[in-house]
Amino acid sequence: MHCPFCRHSDSRVVDSRTSDDGATIRRRRQCPNCSRRFSTSETASLSVLKRSGVSEPFSRAKVISGVRKACQGRPVSDDQLAMLAQQVEENIRSSGLAEIDAPKVGLSILQPLQELDVVAYLRFASVYQDFNSLEDFETAIERLRSEGLEGAGAAEHGPV
């Protein structure tokens, strides 16, 4: 870690504290050259490997953007979408992997979205899982019914 004041290439850690959510560590550092102190914030990186082979940082905003389209016209708030994106990120991080394939991100969205709104889930799944026929929809709906979820997320909010 370079000192931001004198650009010395070393520093020593004086104090470390985790953030309230446990996702970041705040460190107080001191430069051995100029003796000035500064703070750093560290987070574990999480990358998404796209189908093209390009790796990019995980983005909750991209999760929200993709799910928002499926939730269009549904009674789903921005706060609920933010919570869903946080849950997706936490589930991915709990796997212990530093890099995850993009299709697995989509899979990790399905369950929380199903719990949030089944209609939005069907919309997202139809695109993500490439539904090609009415039978694909019927199979998904029958599975939801067998799990007792046919009205979950929709019944308390009214018709589509």
Protein backbone atom coordinates (compact mmCIF):
# COMPACT_ATOMS: atom_id res chain seq x y z
CA MET A 1 0.00 0.00 0.00
CA HIS A 2 1.56 3.28 -1.13
CA CYS A 3 1.39 6.28 1.21
CA PRO A 4 -0.99 8.86 -0.35
CA PHE A 5 1.18 11.70 1.01
CA CYS A 6 4.77 10.79 0.14
CA ARG A 7 4.16 7.77 -2.18
CA HIS A 8 6.42 5.54 -0.05
CA SER A 9 5.84 1.96 -1.11
CA ASP A 10 5.21 0.57 2.38
CA SER A 11 2.97 1.21 5.36
CA ARG A 12 2.15 -0.55 8.58
CA VAL A 13 -1.30 -1.36 9.90
CA VAL A 14 -2.04 0.45 13.18
CA ASP A 15 -5.69 -0.64 13.62
CA SER A 16 -8.23 -2.87 11.83
CA ARG A 17 -12.01 -2.91 12.19
CA THR A 18 -14.76 -4.70 10.31
CA SER A 19 -17.78 -2.78 9.07
CA ASP A 20 -21.21 -3.35 10.59
CA ASP A 21 -22.25 -5.68 7.77
CA GLY A 22 -18.94 -7.54 7.90
CA ALA A 23 -18.32 -7.03 4.18
CA THR A 24 -15.42 -4.58 4.48
CA ILE A 25 -12.43 -4.02 6.71
CA ARG A 26 -11.28 -0.51 7.60
CA ARG A 27 -7.58 -0.26 8.33
CA ARG A 28 -5.65 2.66 9.85
CA ARG A 29 -2.15 2.73 8.42
CA GLN A 30 0.99 4.68 9.17
CA CYS A 31 3.76 5.46 6.73
CA PRO A 32 7.26 4.61 8.09
CA ASN A 33 8.75 7.32 5.88
CA CYS A 34 6.66 10.43 6.70
CA SER A 35 4.82 9.07 9.79
CA ARG A 36 1.45 10.30 8.52
CA ARG A 37 -1.63 8.16 9.00
CA PHE A 38 -4.33 7.26 6.51
CA SER A 39 -7.28 4.87 6.23
CA THR A 40 -7.99 2.16 3.72
CA SER A 41 -11.07 0.07 3.10
CA GLU A 42 -10.78 -3.51 1.89
CA THR A 43 -13.43 -5.76 0.38
CA ALA A 44 -13.26 -9.23 -1.09
CA SER A 45 -13.62 -9.03 -4.84
CA LEU A 46 -16.28 -10.98 -6.67
CA SER A 47 -16.05 -11.31 -10.43
CA VAL A 48 -18.50 -12.56 -13.02
CA LEU A 49 -17.14 -14.52 -15.98
CA LYS A 50 -19.22 -13.63 -19.02
CA ARG A 51 -19.91 -16.05 -21.88
CA SER A 52 -17.51 -14.04 -24.04
CA GLY A 53 -14.68 -14.89 -21.62
CA VAL A 54 -14.48 -11.36 -20.21
CA SER A 55 -14.41 -11.05 -16.44
CA GLU A 56 -16.06 -8.07 -14.75
CA PRO A 57 -16.89 -7.11 -11.15
CA PHE A 58 -20.21 -8.36 -9.76
CA SER A 59 -22.82 -5.60 -9.90
CA ARG A 60 -25.99 -5.48 -7.81
CA ALA A 61 -27.20 -2.76 -10.20
CA LYS A 62 -27.08 -5.25 -13.10
CA VAL A 63 -29.07 -7.79 -11.08
CA ILE A 64 -31.67 -5.12 -10.29
CA SER A 65 -31.79 -3.96 -13.91
CA GLY A 66 -32.39 -7.48 -15.21
CA VAL A 67 -35.02 -8.30 -12.61
CA ARG A 68 -36.76 -4.90 -12.94
CA LYS A 69 -37.80 -5.79 -16.49
CA ALA A 70 -39.48 -8.96 -15.24
CA CYS A 71 -41.20 -6.97 -12.46
CA GLN A 72 -42.61 -4.33 -14.80
CA GLY A 73 -46.23 -3.69 -13.87
CA ARG A 74 -45.92 -5.86 -10.75
CA PRO A 75 -46.29 -4.59 -7.17
CA VAL A 76 -42.56 -4.84 -6.42
CA SER A 77 -40.77 -1.87 -4.83
CA ASP A 78 -37.24 -0.62 -5.44
CA ASP A 79 -36.42 -1.60 -1.84
CA GLN A 80 -37.54 -5.17 -2.53
CA LEU A 81 -35.36 -5.27 -5.64
CA ALA A 82 -32.38 -3.96 -3.66
CA MET A 83 -32.95 -6.64 -1.01
CA LEU A 84 -33.18 -9.31 -3.72
CA ALA A 85 -29.87 -8.15 -5.25
CA GLN A 86 -28.25 -8.19 -1.80
CA GLN A 87 -29.55 -11.71 -1.16
CA VAL A 88 -28.23 -12.88 -4.54
CA GLU A 89 -24.79 -11.40 -3.80
CA GLU A 90 -24.71 -12.96 -0.32
CA ASN A 91 -25.68 -16.36 -1.72
CA ILE A 92 -22.93 -16.16 -4.33
CA ARG A 93 -20.32 -14.98 -1.80
CA SER A 94 -21.28 -17.80 0.57
CA SER A 95 -20.16 -20.26 -2.10
CA GLY A 96 -16.60 -19.09 -1.40
CA LEU A 97 -15.79 -18.51 -5.05
CA ALA A 98 -14.02 -15.34 -6.15
CA GLU A 99 -15.30 -15.73 -9.72
CA ILE A 100 -18.65 -17.08 -10.89
CA ASP A 101 -20.00 -17.82 -14.35
CA ALA A 102 -22.72 -15.43 -15.56
CA PRO A 103 -25.29 -18.24 -16.03
CA LYS A 104 -24.89 -19.16 -12.36
CA VAL A 105 -25.73 -15.58 -11.39
CA GLY A 106 -29.00 -15.99 -13.29
CA LEU A 107 -29.70 -19.27 -11.51
CA SER A 108 -29.07 -17.62 -8.15
CA ILE A 109 -31.70 -14.98 -9.00
CA LEU A 110 -34.48 -17.49 -9.67
CA GLN A 111 -35.24 -18.67 -6.12
CA PRO A 112 -35.35 -15.23 -4.42
CA LEU A 113 -37.43 -13.87 -7.31
CA GLN A 114 -39.85 -16.79 -7.05
CA GLU A 115 -40.32 -15.96 -3.37
CA LEU A 116 -40.84 -12.27 -4.19
CA ASP A 117 -43.32 -12.54 -7.07
CA VAL A 118 -44.24 -15.68 -9.06
CA VAL A 119 -45.37 -13.75 -12.14
CA ALA A 120 -42.06 -11.89 -12.30
CA TYR A 121 -40.33 -15.22 -11.69
CA LEU A 122 -42.11 -16.79 -14.68
CA ARG A 123 -41.20 -13.82 -16.87
CA PHE A 124 -37.55 -13.96 -15.85
CA ALA A 125 -37.38 -17.76 -16.09
CA SER A 126 -39.01 -17.75 -19.53
CA VAL A 127 -36.18 -15.62 -20.88
CA TYR A 128 -33.36 -16.99 -18.75
CA GLN A 129 -34.30 -20.65 -19.24
CA ASP A 130 -35.27 -20.06 -22.88
CA PHE A 131 -38.91 -21.21 -22.81
CA ASN A 132 -39.82 -22.13 -26.38
CA SER A 133 -43.41 -23.33 -26.08
CA LEU A 134 -46.57 -23.18 -24.04
CA GLU A 135 -45.58 -26.55 -22.60
CA ASP A 136 -42.50 -24.92 -21.03
CA PHE A 137 -44.77 -22.42 -19.27
CA GLU A 138 -47.23 -25.15 -18.27
CA THR A 139 -44.44 -27.24 -16.76
CA ALA A 140 -43.14 -24.27 -14.77
CA ILE A 141 -46.64 -23.34 -13.57
CA GLU A 142 -47.41 -26.94 -12.56
CA ARG A 143 -44.18 -27.06 -10.57
CA LEU A 144 -45.14 -23.84 -8.80
CA ARG A 145 -48.61 -25.22 -8.06
CA SER A 146 -47.18 -28.46 -6.69
CA GLU A 147 -44.99 -26.36 -4.37
CA GLY A 148 -48.08 -24.40 -3.29
CA LEU A 149 -46.76 -21.16 -4.77
CA GLU A 150 -49.35 -20.41 -7.44
CA GLY A 151 -50.58 -17.29 -5.67
CA ALA A 152 -47.43 -16.32 -3.77
CA GLY A 153 -46.42 -12.78 -4.46
CA ALA A 154 -49.43 -12.22 -6.69
CA ALA A 155 -52.60 -13.10 -4.74
CA GLU A 156 -52.14 -10.43 -2.09
CA HIS A 157 -51.54 -7.80 -4.79
CA GLY A 158 -54.38 -8.49 -7.21
CA PRO A 159 -54.46 -9.62 -10.84
CA VAL A 160 -51.65 -9.21 -13.36
